Amino acid sequence: MPPISVVAGYILLVLIWGSTWAAIRIGVTSVPPFIFAFERAVTVSVLLTALTLANGLRFPRDRTTIAAAAFAGVVNTGTSWAIIFWSEQYVPSGLVAVFGAAGPIWTAFLAHFFVRGDRLSRLKIIGLACGLVGIGVLVGAPDPGSRPEAFLATALLALMPVTWGFGTIVQVRVLREGSPLPLVAIGTWCGSVVLLPFALTQVGQPAAWTAGVILGFVYLVVLGSCVGLVLQLWLTRRLRPTTMTLSQLLISAQAVTVGAVVLGESVTLRMLAGAALVAAAIGLNAVAGGAGARAAQVPVPGD
């Protein structure tokens, strides 16, 4: 049984990351998505840097660690936030979270080639197949009358977890030591650089920073990123990979529920069928990881 602090941290992470998808949806309805994502990334980077310096922590100096933290930030914050924030204009926030839950499936596949001793078992292969079918069902899942951008959004969301898999492999292999604060700060700064050119394309577009948008922005910055990203890296060093993998089921289920109840988003049979296949894939991967070789854990950097 993990210590109570680890259990509490796990529950807190699920609760936070299960609700951030709805906060993003609220923000992008009033503020251009790339600007909203860029301003979140920069604000998070400034706060994490300030916390690092205030606590007397040192930023890593070796090139391998810096490069790994930068790469994780580029794929987990930069490209992912660009896709997620833009997509939530056209796709329900709960569906976006389900696409994100496919991250562990790709991590299990990539670990076969990049993590020593973590091989694809029969269960993992079956899980990968279920996940691929589920993702195929989810692509284009919005109603047929949706705008064409909705199909493009789901296609991008289907590809996004593949990059998360690479980011996770790098985290598992390189970022196992050192305080999470400076490591995450490096990543979010690099993610901000990636988001900058996207944000520049939307400068001058109307933006309404209402009270609800500001509240959502603060929630995303403080809890979703400053707490969530640091807590995730801290937990991956203390929990079994299978436990971290199963958190994706809880996060996506909560995101779908919050989207339906709070935002009034529709939940179609196609969405439920795709989500069920992805959930089965995650479950099979968790069982295979618990019974056999050590699996790499995957974060949900996009939220």
C-alpha atoms as a PDB file:
ATOM      1  CA  MET A   1       0.000   0.000   0.000  1.00  0.00           C
ATOM      2  CA  PRO A   2       1.502   3.373  -1.006  1.00  0.00           C
ATOM      3  CA  PRO A   3       1.907   6.078   1.654  1.00  0.00           C
ATOM      4  CA  ILE A   4      -1.130   8.253   2.328  1.00  0.00           C
ATOM      5  CA  SER A   5       0.590  11.230   0.684  1.00  0.00           C
ATOM      6  CA  VAL A   6       0.958   9.271  -2.566  1.00  0.00           C
ATOM      7  CA  VAL A   7      -2.678   8.083  -2.474  1.00  0.00           C
ATOM      8  CA  ALA A   8      -3.865  11.643  -1.820  1.00  0.00           C
ATOM      9  CA  GLY A   9      -1.691  12.955  -4.636  1.00  0.00           C
ATOM     10  CA  TYR A  10      -3.078  10.356  -7.036  1.00  0.00           C
ATOM     11  CA  ILE A  11      -6.680  11.241  -6.204  1.00  0.00           C
ATOM     12  CA  LEU A  12      -5.919  14.952  -6.480  1.00  0.00           C
ATOM     13  CA  LEU A  13      -4.289  14.509  -9.891  1.00  0.00           C
ATOM     14  CA  VAL A  14      -7.294  12.597 -11.258  1.00  0.00           C
ATOM     15  CA  LEU A  15      -9.737  15.202  -9.935  1.00  0.00           C
ATOM     16  CA  ILE A  16      -7.733  18.093 -11.372  1.00  0.00           C
ATOM     17  CA  TRP A  17      -6.971  16.633 -14.786  1.00  0.00           C
ATOM     18  CA  GLY A  18     -10.490  15.259 -15.178  1.00  0.00           C
ATOM     19  CA  SER A  19     -11.882  18.795 -15.034  1.00  0.00           C
ATOM     20  CA  THR A  20      -9.288  20.833 -16.941  1.00  0.00           C
ATOM     21  CA  TRP A  21     -10.760  19.823 -20.311  1.00  0.00           C
ATOM     22  CA  ALA A  22     -13.980  21.675 -19.486  1.00  0.00           C
ATOM     23  CA  ALA A  23     -11.998  24.726 -18.346  1.00  0.00           C
ATOM     24  CA  ILE A  24     -10.224  24.777 -21.712  1.00  0.00           C
ATOM     25  CA  ARG A  25     -13.575  24.605 -23.519  1.00  0.00           C
ATOM     26  CA  ILE A  26     -14.856  27.587 -21.540  1.00  0.00           C
ATOM     27  CA  GLY A  27     -11.749  29.591 -22.397  1.00  0.00           C
ATOM     28  CA  VAL A  28     -11.618  28.942 -26.140  1.00  0.00           C
ATOM     29  CA  THR A  29     -15.248  29.990 -26.583  1.00  0.00           C
ATOM     30  CA  SER A  30     -14.239  33.586 -25.775  1.00  0.00           C
ATOM     31  CA  VAL A  31     -10.471  33.832 -26.414  1.00  0.00           C
ATOM     32  CA  PRO A  32      -8.577  32.709 -29.554  1.00  0.00           C
ATOM     33  CA  PRO A  33      -7.337  29.209 -28.710  1.00  0.00           C
ATOM     34  CA  PHE A  34      -3.662  29.643 -29.599  1.00  0.00           C
ATOM     35  CA  ILE A  35      -3.430  32.879 -27.617  1.00  0.00           C
ATOM     36  CA  PHE A  36      -5.176  31.218 -24.664  1.00  0.00           C
ATOM     37  CA  ALA A  37      -2.758  28.277 -24.799  1.00  0.00           C
ATOM     38  CA  PHE A  38       0.327  30.493 -25.211  1.00  0.00           C
ATOM     39  CA  GLU A  39      -0.590  32.774 -22.323  1.00  0.00           C
ATOM     40  CA  ARG A  40      -1.222  29.747 -20.119  1.00  0.00           C
ATOM     41  CA  ALA A  41       2.175  28.251 -21.021  1.00  0.00           C
ATOM     42  CA  VAL A  42       4.069  31.485 -20.387  1.00  0.00           C
ATOM     43  CA  THR A  43       2.300  32.138 -17.082  1.00  0.00           C
ATOM     44  CA  VAL A  44       3.008  28.585 -15.917  1.00  0.00           C
ATOM     45  CA  SER A  45       6.666  28.907 -16.944  1.00  0.00           C
ATOM     46  CA  VAL A  46       7.108  32.158 -15.020  1.00  0.00           C
ATOM     47  CA  LEU A  47       5.471  30.742 -11.890  1.00  0.00           C
ATOM     48  CA  LEU A  48       7.446  27.489 -11.958  1.00  0.00           C
ATOM     49  CA  THR A  49      10.703  29.367 -12.515  1.00  0.00           C
ATOM     50  CA  ALA A  50       9.919  31.678  -9.608  1.00  0.00           C
ATOM     51  CA  LEU A  51       9.078  28.707  -7.358  1.00  0.00           C
ATOM     52  CA  THR A  52      12.285  26.959  -8.373  1.00  0.00           C
ATOM     53  CA  LEU A  53      14.421  29.982  -7.490  1.00  0.00           C
ATOM     54  CA  ALA A  54      12.464  30.755  -4.311  1.00  0.00           C
ATOM     55  CA  ASN A  55      13.063  27.215  -3.040  1.00  0.00           C
ATOM     56  CA  GLY A  56      16.763  27.365  -3.814  1.00  0.00           C
ATOM     57  CA  LEU A  57      16.550  24.593  -6.395  1.00  0.00           C
ATOM     58  CA  ARG A  58      19.028  24.340  -9.238  1.00  0.00           C
ATOM     59  CA  PHE A  59      18.222  23.912 -12.884  1.00  0.00           C
ATOM     60  CA  PRO A  60      19.973  20.924 -14.471  1.00  0.00           C
ATOM     61  CA  ARG A  61      23.205  21.673 -16.306  1.00  0.00           C
ATOM     62  CA  ASP A  62      23.941  18.490 -18.191  1.00  0.00           C
ATOM     63  CA  ARG A  63      22.859  18.561 -21.791  1.00  0.00           C
ATOM     64  CA  THR A  64      21.095  15.200 -21.743  1.00  0.00           C
ATOM     65  CA  THR A  65      18.706  16.186 -18.958  1.00  0.00           C
ATOM     66  CA  ILE A  66      18.039  19.616 -20.451  1.00  0.00           C
ATOM     67  CA  ALA A  67      17.381  18.119 -23.888  1.00  0.00           C
ATOM     68  CA  ALA A  68      15.030  15.495 -22.429  1.00  0.00           C
ATOM     69  CA  ALA A  69      13.060  18.073 -20.422  1.00  0.00           C
ATOM     70  CA  ALA A  70      12.877  20.321 -23.488  1.00  0.00           C
ATOM     71  CA  PHE A  71      11.662  17.516 -25.747  1.00  0.00           C
ATOM     72  CA  ALA A  72       9.008  16.458 -23.223  1.00  0.00           C
ATOM     73  CA  GLY A  73       7.830  20.064 -23.039  1.00  0.00           C
ATOM     74  CA  VAL A  74       7.655  20.453 -26.807  1.00  0.00           C
ATOM     75  CA  VAL A  75       5.400  17.418 -27.281  1.00  0.00           C
ATOM     76  CA  ASN A  76       3.476  17.536 -23.985  1.00  0.00           C
ATOM     77  CA  THR A  77       2.889  21.290 -23.835  1.00  0.00           C
ATOM     78  CA  GLY A  78       3.735  22.870 -27.185  1.00  0.00           C
ATOM     79  CA  THR A  79       2.214  20.771 -29.956  1.00  0.00           C
ATOM     80  CA  SER A  80      -0.342  19.091 -27.678  1.00  0.00           C
ATOM     81  CA  TRP A  81      -1.826  22.311 -26.335  1.00  0.00           C
ATOM     82  CA  ALA A  82      -1.969  23.750 -29.845  1.00  0.00           C
ATOM     83  CA  ILE A  83      -4.005  20.731 -30.992  1.00  0.00           C
ATOM     84  CA  ILE A  84      -6.175  20.457 -27.864  1.00  0.00           C
ATOM     85  CA  PHE A  85      -7.067  24.138 -27.517  1.00  0.00           C
ATOM     86  CA  TRP A  86      -7.857  24.503 -31.228  1.00  0.00           C
ATOM     87  CA  SER A  87      -9.821  21.241 -31.344  1.00  0.00           C
ATOM     88  CA  GLU A  88     -12.046  22.110 -28.406  1.00  0.00           C
ATOM     89  CA  GLN A  89     -13.709  24.743 -30.569  1.00  0.00           C
ATOM     90  CA  TYR A  90     -15.253  21.929 -32.616  1.00  0.00           C
ATOM     91  CA  VAL A  91     -15.099  18.738 -30.533  1.00  0.00           C
ATOM     92  CA  PRO A  92     -16.684  18.067 -27.100  1.00  0.00           C
ATOM     93  CA  SER A  93     -14.162  18.387 -24.278  1.00  0.00           C
ATOM     94  CA  GLY A  94     -14.964  14.873 -23.024  1.00  0.00           C
ATOM     95  CA  LEU A  95     -14.172  13.379 -26.421  1.00  0.00           C
ATOM     96  CA  VAL A  96     -10.853  15.235 -26.495  1.00  0.00           C
ATOM     97  CA  ALA A  97      -9.999  13.668 -23.133  1.00  0.00           C
ATOM     98  CA  VAL A  98     -10.818  10.179 -24.454  1.00  0.00           C
ATOM     99  CA  PHE A  99      -8.361  10.683 -27.314  1.00  0.00           C
ATOM    100  CA  GLY A 100      -5.773  11.707 -24.718  1.00  0.00           C
ATOM    101  CA  ALA A 101      -6.442   8.524 -22.765  1.00  0.00           C
ATOM    102  CA  ALA A 102      -4.967   6.569 -25.696  1.00  0.00           C
ATOM    103  CA  GLY A 103      -1.499   7.742 -24.680  1.00  0.00           C
ATOM    104  CA  PRO A 104      -0.610   4.616 -22.630  1.00  0.00           C
ATOM    105  CA  ILE A 105      -1.473   2.402 -25.600  1.00  0.00           C
ATOM    106  CA  TRP A 106       1.178   4.032 -27.775  1.00  0.00           C
ATOM    107  CA  THR A 107       3.648   4.145 -24.904  1.00  0.00           C
ATOM    108  CA  ALA A 108       3.353   0.374 -24.470  1.00  0.00           C
ATOM    109  CA  PHE A 109       4.042  -0.080 -28.189  1.00  0.00           C
ATOM    110  CA  LEU A 110       7.026   2.287 -28.272  1.00  0.00           C
ATOM    111  CA  ALA A 111       8.483   0.845 -25.060  1.00  0.00           C
ATOM    112  CA  HIS A 112       8.953  -2.442 -26.911  1.00  0.00           C
ATOM    113  CA  PHE A 113      11.615  -0.740 -29.028  1.00  0.00           C
ATOM    114  CA  PHE A 114      13.079   1.831 -26.628  1.00  0.00           C
ATOM    115  CA  VAL A 115      12.806   0.470 -23.057  1.00  0.00           C
ATOM    116  CA  ARG A 116      14.944  -2.539 -22.182  1.00  0.00           C
ATOM    117  CA  GLY A 117      12.955  -5.472 -20.843  1.00  0.00           C
ATOM    118  CA  ASP A 118       9.550  -3.970 -21.710  1.00  0.00           C
ATOM    119  CA  ARG A 119       8.359  -6.234 -24.523  1.00  0.00           C
ATOM    120  CA  LEU A 120       5.051  -6.474 -26.326  1.00  0.00           C
ATOM    121  CA  SER A 121       3.104  -9.395 -24.897  1.00  0.00           C
ATOM    122  CA  ARG A 122       0.028 -11.009 -26.397  1.00  0.00           C
ATOM    123  CA  LEU A 123      -2.227  -8.966 -24.101  1.00  0.00           C
ATOM    124  CA  LYS A 124      -0.488  -5.729 -25.093  1.00  0.00           C
ATOM    125  CA  ILE A 125      -0.894  -6.538 -28.779  1.00  0.00           C
ATOM    126  CA  ILE A 126      -4.599  -7.240 -28.275  1.00  0.00           C
ATOM    127  CA  GLY A 127      -4.861  -4.001 -26.315  1.00  0.00           C
ATOM    128  CA  LEU A 128      -3.112  -2.085 -29.092  1.00  0.00           C
ATOM    129  CA  ALA A 129      -5.546  -3.519 -31.627  1.00  0.00           C
ATOM    130  CA  CYS A 130      -8.541  -2.527 -29.459  1.00  0.00           C
ATOM    131  CA  GLY A 131      -7.114   0.942 -29.042  1.00  0.00           C
ATOM    132  CA  LEU A 132      -6.563   1.421 -32.772  1.00  0.00           C
ATOM    133  CA  VAL A 133     -10.119   0.313 -33.549  1.00  0.00           C
ATOM    134  CA  GLY A 134     -11.459   2.599 -30.815  1.00  0.00           C
ATOM    135  CA  ILE A 135      -9.516   5.567 -32.165  1.00  0.00           C
ATOM    136  CA  GLY A 136     -10.799   4.768 -35.653  1.00  0.00           C
ATOM    137  CA  VAL A 137     -14.360   4.836 -34.334  1.00  0.00           C
ATOM    138  CA  LEU A 138     -13.764   8.167 -32.576  1.00  0.00           C
ATOM    139  CA  VAL A 139     -12.295   9.941 -35.610  1.00  0.00           C
ATOM    140  CA  GLY A 140     -15.163  11.966 -37.017  1.00  0.00           C
ATOM    141  CA  ALA A 141     -17.326  11.115 -33.992  1.00  0.00           C
ATOM    142  CA  PRO A 142     -18.991  14.557 -33.849  1.00  0.00           C
ATOM    143  CA  ASP A 143     -22.425  14.718 -35.446  1.00  0.00           C
ATOM    144  CA  PRO A 144     -22.513  14.470 -39.257  1.00  0.00           C
ATOM    145  CA  GLY A 145     -23.726  18.052 -39.406  1.00  0.00           C
ATOM    146  CA  SER A 146     -20.623  19.365 -37.666  1.00  0.00           C
ATOM    147  CA  ARG A 147     -18.235  21.743 -39.392  1.00  0.00           C
ATOM    148  CA  PRO A 148     -15.454  20.206 -41.524  1.00  0.00           C
ATOM    149  CA  GLU A 149     -12.929  21.370 -38.922  1.00  0.00           C
ATOM    150  CA  ALA A 150     -14.370  18.803 -36.515  1.00  0.00           C
ATOM    151  CA  PHE A 151     -13.113  15.900 -38.624  1.00  0.00           C
ATOM    152  CA  LEU A 152      -9.643  17.475 -38.913  1.00  0.00           C
ATOM    153  CA  ALA A 153      -9.639  18.038 -35.158  1.00  0.00           C
ATOM    154  CA  THR A 154     -10.364  14.382 -34.405  1.00  0.00           C
ATOM    155  CA  ALA A 155      -7.676  13.286 -36.875  1.00  0.00           C
ATOM    156  CA  LEU A 156      -5.088  15.492 -35.144  1.00  0.00           C
ATOM    157  CA  LEU A 157      -6.256  14.287 -31.734  1.00  0.00           C
ATOM    158  CA  ALA A 158      -5.805  10.685 -32.896  1.00  0.00           C
ATOM    159  CA  LEU A 159      -2.167  11.386 -33.800  1.00  0.00           C
ATOM    160  CA  MET A 160      -1.358  13.461 -30.712  1.00  0.00           C
ATOM    161  CA  PRO A 161      -0.967  10.556 -28.212  1.00  0.00           C
ATOM    162  CA  VAL A 162       1.749   9.062 -30.420  1.00  0.00           C
ATOM    163  CA  THR A 163       3.960  12.059 -29.605  1.00  0.00           C
ATOM    164  CA  TRP A 164       3.043  11.682 -25.920  1.00  0.00           C
ATOM    165  CA  GLY A 165       4.361   8.138 -26.108  1.00  0.00           C
ATOM    166  CA  PHE A 166       7.761   9.390 -27.271  1.00  0.00           C
ATOM    167  CA  GLY A 167       7.729  12.083 -24.565  1.00  0.00           C
ATOM    168  CA  THR A 168       6.963   9.501 -21.907  1.00  0.00           C
ATOM    169  CA  ILE A 169       9.772   7.196 -23.040  1.00  0.00           C
ATOM    170  CA  VAL A 170      12.178  10.121 -22.699  1.00  0.00           C
ATOM    171  CA  GLN A 171      10.845  10.938 -19.226  1.00  0.00           C
ATOM    172  CA  VAL A 172      11.133   7.339 -18.062  1.00  0.00           C
ATOM    173  CA  ARG A 173      14.662   6.888 -19.394  1.00  0.00           C
ATOM    174  CA  VAL A 174      16.194  10.253 -18.481  1.00  0.00           C
ATOM    175  CA  LEU A 175      14.099  12.323 -16.058  1.00  0.00           C
ATOM    176  CA  ARG A 176      14.071   9.929 -13.112  1.00  0.00           C
ATOM    177  CA  GLU A 177      16.129  12.112 -10.797  1.00  0.00           C
ATOM    178  CA  GLY A 178      16.081  15.725  -9.672  1.00  0.00           C
ATOM    179  CA  SER A 179      13.326  18.041  -8.472  1.00  0.00           C
ATOM    180  CA  PRO A 180      10.279  18.084 -10.776  1.00  0.00           C
ATOM    181  CA  LEU A 181       9.932  21.888 -10.520  1.00  0.00           C
ATOM    182  CA  PRO A 182      12.899  22.955 -12.690  1.00  0.00           C
ATOM    183  CA  LEU A 183      12.419  20.029 -15.075  1.00  0.00           C
ATOM    184  CA  VAL A 184       8.796  20.947 -15.751  1.00  0.00           C
ATOM    185  CA  ALA A 185       9.725  24.654 -15.995  1.00  0.00           C
ATOM    186  CA  ILE A 186      12.217  23.896 -18.768  1.00  0.00           C
ATOM    187  CA  GLY A 187       9.560  21.942 -20.592  1.00  0.00           C
ATOM    188  CA  THR A 188       6.868  24.616 -20.377  1.00  0.00           C
ATOM    189  CA  TRP A 189       9.290  27.321 -21.541  1.00  0.00           C
ATOM    190  CA  CYS A 190      10.089  25.212 -24.606  1.00  0.00           C
ATOM    191  CA  GLY A 191       6.397  24.564 -25.119  1.00  0.00           C
ATOM    192  CA  SER A 192       5.803  28.324 -25.016  1.00  0.00           C
ATOM    193  CA  VAL A 193       8.313  28.814 -27.824  1.00  0.00           C
ATOM    194  CA  VAL A 194       6.434  26.273 -29.950  1.00  0.00           C
ATOM    195  CA  LEU A 195       3.093  27.968 -29.239  1.00  0.00           C
ATOM    196  CA  LEU A 196       4.354  31.496 -30.002  1.00  0.00           C
ATOM    197  CA  PRO A 197       4.068  31.387 -33.832  1.00  0.00           C
ATOM    198  CA  PHE A 198       0.562  29.914 -33.544  1.00  0.00           C
ATOM    199  CA  ALA A 199      -0.455  32.687 -31.153  1.00  0.00           C
ATOM    200  CA  LEU A 200       0.938  35.379 -33.463  1.00  0.00           C
ATOM    201  CA  THR A 201      -1.479  34.274 -36.186  1.00  0.00           C
ATOM    202  CA  GLN A 202      -4.396  35.205 -33.929  1.00  0.00           C
ATOM    203  CA  VAL A 203      -3.165  38.560 -32.643  1.00  0.00           C
ATOM    204  CA  GLY A 204      -5.870  41.154 -33.170  1.00  0.00           C
ATOM    205  CA  GLN A 205      -8.762  38.705 -33.085  1.00  0.00           C
ATOM    206  CA  PRO A 206     -11.573  39.507 -30.623  1.00  0.00           C
ATOM    207  CA  ALA A 207     -11.076  38.183 -27.099  1.00  0.00           C
ATOM    208  CA  ALA A 208     -13.530  38.443 -24.214  1.00  0.00           C
ATOM    209  CA  TRP A 209     -11.855  37.822 -20.875  1.00  0.00           C
ATOM    210  CA  THR A 210     -15.024  37.325 -18.868  1.00  0.00           C
ATOM    211  CA  ALA A 211     -15.046  36.362 -15.197  1.00  0.00           C
ATOM    212  CA  GLY A 212     -15.649  32.726 -16.137  1.00  0.00           C
ATOM    213  CA  VAL A 213     -12.750  32.696 -18.606  1.00  0.00           C
ATOM    214  CA  ILE A 214     -10.394  34.304 -16.093  1.00  0.00           C
ATOM    215  CA  LEU A 215     -11.424  31.792 -13.428  1.00  0.00           C
ATOM    216  CA  GLY A 216     -10.850  28.930 -15.871  1.00  0.00           C
ATOM    217  CA  PHE A 217      -7.459  30.355 -16.851  1.00  0.00           C
ATOM    218  CA  VAL A 218      -6.333  30.613 -13.224  1.00  0.00           C
ATOM    219  CA  TYR A 219      -7.542  27.054 -12.605  1.00  0.00           C
ATOM    220  CA  LEU A 220      -5.593  25.764 -15.603  1.00  0.00           C
ATOM    221  CA  VAL A 221      -2.426  27.619 -14.639  1.00  0.00           C
ATOM    222  CA  VAL A 222      -2.333  26.949 -10.907  1.00  0.00           C
ATOM    223  CA  LEU A 223      -3.944  23.526 -10.561  1.00  0.00           C
ATOM    224  CA  GLY A 224      -3.875  22.074 -14.062  1.00  0.00           C
ATOM    225  CA  SER A 225      -0.211  22.900 -14.697  1.00  0.00           C
ATOM    226  CA  CYS A 226       1.773  24.134 -11.702  1.00  0.00           C
ATOM    227  CA  VAL A 227       0.280  21.469  -9.448  1.00  0.00           C
ATOM    228  CA  GLY A 228      -0.728  18.848 -12.008  1.00  0.00           C
ATOM    229  CA  LEU A 229       2.443  18.612 -14.103  1.00  0.00           C
ATOM    230  CA  VAL A 230       4.754  18.617 -11.087  1.00  0.00           C
ATOM    231  CA  LEU A 231       2.550  16.158  -9.198  1.00  0.00           C
ATOM    232  CA  GLN A 232       2.426  13.793 -12.186  1.00  0.00           C
ATOM    233  CA  LEU A 233       6.211  13.612 -12.445  1.00  0.00           C
ATOM    234  CA  TRP A 234       6.452  13.116  -8.673  1.00  0.00           C
ATOM    235  CA  LEU A 235       3.909  10.274  -8.746  1.00  0.00           C
ATOM    236  CA  THR A 236       5.553   8.409 -11.630  1.00  0.00           C
ATOM    237  CA  ARG A 237       8.581   7.921  -9.394  1.00  0.00           C
ATOM    238  CA  ARG A 238       6.510   6.411  -6.581  1.00  0.00           C
ATOM    239  CA  LEU A 239       3.710   4.341  -8.154  1.00  0.00           C
ATOM    240  CA  ARG A 240       3.592   1.245 -10.315  1.00  0.00           C
ATOM    241  CA  PRO A 241       3.273   2.054 -14.005  1.00  0.00           C
ATOM    242  CA  THR A 242       0.005   0.085 -14.160  1.00  0.00           C
ATOM    243  CA  THR A 243      -1.494   2.330 -11.485  1.00  0.00           C
ATOM    244  CA  MET A 244      -0.523   5.442 -13.414  1.00  0.00           C
ATOM    245  CA  THR A 245      -1.931   3.925 -16.601  1.00  0.00           C
ATOM    246  CA  LEU A 246      -5.293   3.206 -14.995  1.00  0.00           C
ATOM    247  CA  SER A 247      -5.579   6.856 -13.940  1.00  0.00           C
ATOM    248  CA  GLN A 248      -6.308   7.656 -17.594  1.00  0.00           C
ATOM    249  CA  LEU A 249      -9.583   5.728 -17.336  1.00  0.00           C
ATOM    250  CA  LEU A 250     -10.646   7.797 -14.342  1.00  0.00           C
ATOM    251  CA  ILE A 251      -9.562  11.084 -15.918  1.00  0.00           C
ATOM    252  CA  SER A 252     -11.357  10.520 -19.221  1.00  0.00           C
ATOM    253  CA  ALA A 253     -14.520   9.225 -17.504  1.00  0.00           C
ATOM    254  CA  GLN A 254     -14.618  12.309 -15.311  1.00  0.00           C
ATOM    255  CA  ALA A 255     -14.002  14.592 -18.289  1.00  0.00           C
ATOM    256  CA  VAL A 256     -16.924  13.082 -20.229  1.00  0.00           C
ATOM    257  CA  THR A 257     -19.172  13.421 -17.159  1.00  0.00           C
ATOM    258  CA  VAL A 258     -18.158  17.030 -16.472  1.00  0.00           C
ATOM    259  CA  GLY A 259     -18.608  17.949 -20.130  1.00  0.00           C
ATOM    260  CA  ALA A 260     -22.101  16.451 -20.235  1.00  0.00           C
ATOM    261  CA  VAL A 261     -23.322  17.749 -16.864  1.00  0.00           C
ATOM    262  CA  VAL A 262     -21.642  21.159 -16.641  1.00  0.00           C
ATOM    263  CA  LEU A 263     -21.315  22.142 -20.305  1.00  0.00           C
ATOM    264  CA  GLY A 264     -24.298  20.231 -21.698  1.00  0.00           C
ATOM    265  CA  GLU A 265     -22.164  18.380 -24.272  1.00  0.00           C
ATOM    266  CA  SER A 266     -23.840  15.533 -26.118  1.00  0.00           C
ATOM    267  CA  VAL A 267     -22.611  11.966 -25.664  1.00  0.00           C
ATOM    268  CA  THR A 268     -23.352   9.801 -28.711  1.00  0.00           C
ATOM    269  CA  LEU A 269     -23.350   6.022 -29.040  1.00  0.00           C
ATOM    270  CA  ARG A 270     -20.359   6.292 -31.361  1.00  0.00           C
ATOM    271  CA  MET A 271     -18.427   8.179 -28.711  1.00  0.00           C
ATOM    272  CA  LEU A 272     -19.346   5.612 -26.063  1.00  0.00           C
ATOM    273  CA  ALA A 273     -18.345   2.713 -28.325  1.00  0.00           C
ATOM    274  CA  GLY A 274     -14.966   4.266 -29.147  1.00  0.00           C
ATOM    275  CA  ALA A 275     -14.372   5.177 -25.515  1.00  0.00           C
ATOM    276  CA  ALA A 276     -15.208   1.612 -24.426  1.00  0.00           C
ATOM    277  CA  LEU A 277     -12.627   0.190 -26.841  1.00  0.00           C
ATOM    278  CA  VAL A 278      -9.978   2.639 -25.648  1.00  0.00           C
ATOM    279  CA  ALA A 279     -10.841   1.778 -22.034  1.00  0.00           C
ATOM    280  CA  ALA A 280     -10.489  -1.936 -22.820  1.00  0.00           C
ATOM    281  CA  ALA A 281      -7.107  -1.268 -24.404  1.00  0.00           C
ATOM    282  CA  ILE A 282      -5.910   0.629 -21.317  1.00  0.00           C
ATOM    283  CA  GLY A 283      -7.156  -2.158 -19.064  1.00  0.00           C
ATOM    284  CA  LEU A 284      -5.399  -4.860 -21.080  1.00  0.00           C
ATOM    285  CA  ASN A 285      -2.198  -2.831 -21.069  1.00  0.00           C
ATOM    286  CA  ALA A 286      -2.422  -2.397 -17.287  1.00  0.00           C
ATOM    287  CA  VAL A 287      -2.993  -6.122 -16.727  1.00  0.00           C
ATOM    288  CA  ALA A 288      -0.104  -7.009 -19.025  1.00  0.00           C
ATOM    289  CA  GLY A 289       2.145  -4.508 -17.278  1.00  0.00           C
ATOM    290  CA  GLY A 290       1.247  -5.788 -13.847  1.00  0.00           C
ATOM    291  CA  ALA A 291       1.744  -9.424 -14.770  1.00  0.00           C
ATOM    292  CA  GLY A 292       4.914  -9.055 -16.761  1.00  0.00           C
ATOM    293  CA  ALA A 293       7.568  -6.529 -17.576  1.00  0.00           C
ATOM    294  CA  ARG A 294       7.673  -3.030 -16.309  1.00  0.00           C
ATOM    295  CA  ALA A 295       5.658  -0.653 -18.493  1.00  0.00           C
ATOM    296  CA  ALA A 296       6.268   3.026 -19.059  1.00  0.00           C
ATOM    297  CA  GLN A 297       3.749   5.336 -17.523  1.00  0.00           C
ATOM    298  CA  VAL A 298       2.171   8.092 -19.526  1.00  0.00           C
ATOM    299  CA  PRO A 299       1.069  11.554 -18.422  1.00  0.00           C
ATOM    300  CA  VAL A 300      -1.891  13.507 -19.831  1.00  0.00           C
ATOM    301  CA  PRO A 301       0.139  16.561 -20.732  1.00  0.00           C
ATOM    302  CA  GLY A 302      -2.550  18.057 -22.836  1.00  0.00           C
ATOM    303  CA  ASP A 303      -4.872  18.993 -20.017  1.00  0.00           C
END
